[in-house]
Amino acid sequence: MAWIKTINQNEATGKLKMLYDGISSQRGGDVPNVLKAHSLNPDALESHLGLMKTVMFGESKLSLAQREMIGVVVSVANACEYWTTKHGEALHHVTNNHKLMEDIAVDYLKADITNSEKFMLNYAHKLTKEPSSIRKRDIDILVKAGFSERDIFDINQVTAYFNYVNRVTDGLGVTLD
């Protein structure tokens, strides 16, 4: 589960119970361990849910598959087993393409994706591994690859979101559900 105390669904009261009930009804089952790790601070859980909804499912020209690809690349770069597994499964679910999911996780540069998507994933990988080395030329590459400034902002936000959740998960010892 996690290295800190978590409150289970049957123990939750007040705001936490309301949030858990919402999560459970949307997902059709149990609350994932990574969200239970927020249980000591329901306001943080609520904020996390809002950020996830906006970044992963909000209006964007990035497809859900592209967002999931970013999630897998970031999680692999961080050696985060939880999110590599979860968003590898999500990428497979969205694309119905097991080979693509495997290729993105092993070496996205060899995956059967567009060159623009490879540039997008290069940026996500670099921002994850060497954030202080990002320069304007990295943005210029994305523009030349056909991404608008809004698209680039969205790529940045998805990358940052996955770095955040990777650190929550690994930093608290959250295990797979």
Foldseek 3Di string as FASTA:
>chain_A
DWQDDFAFQVRDDDLLVVVQVVQCVVVVHGDWLLLRLCRVPSVVSVVLVVLCCCLQPNDDPDDNLLLLLLLLLLCLLVVQPQSVVVSLVVNCVVVVDNQQSVCSNPPNVPHPDDPLSVLLNVVLSCCNPPVVPDDVVSVVVNVVSPDDPRNNVSSVSSSVSSSVSSCSCVVGVGDGD
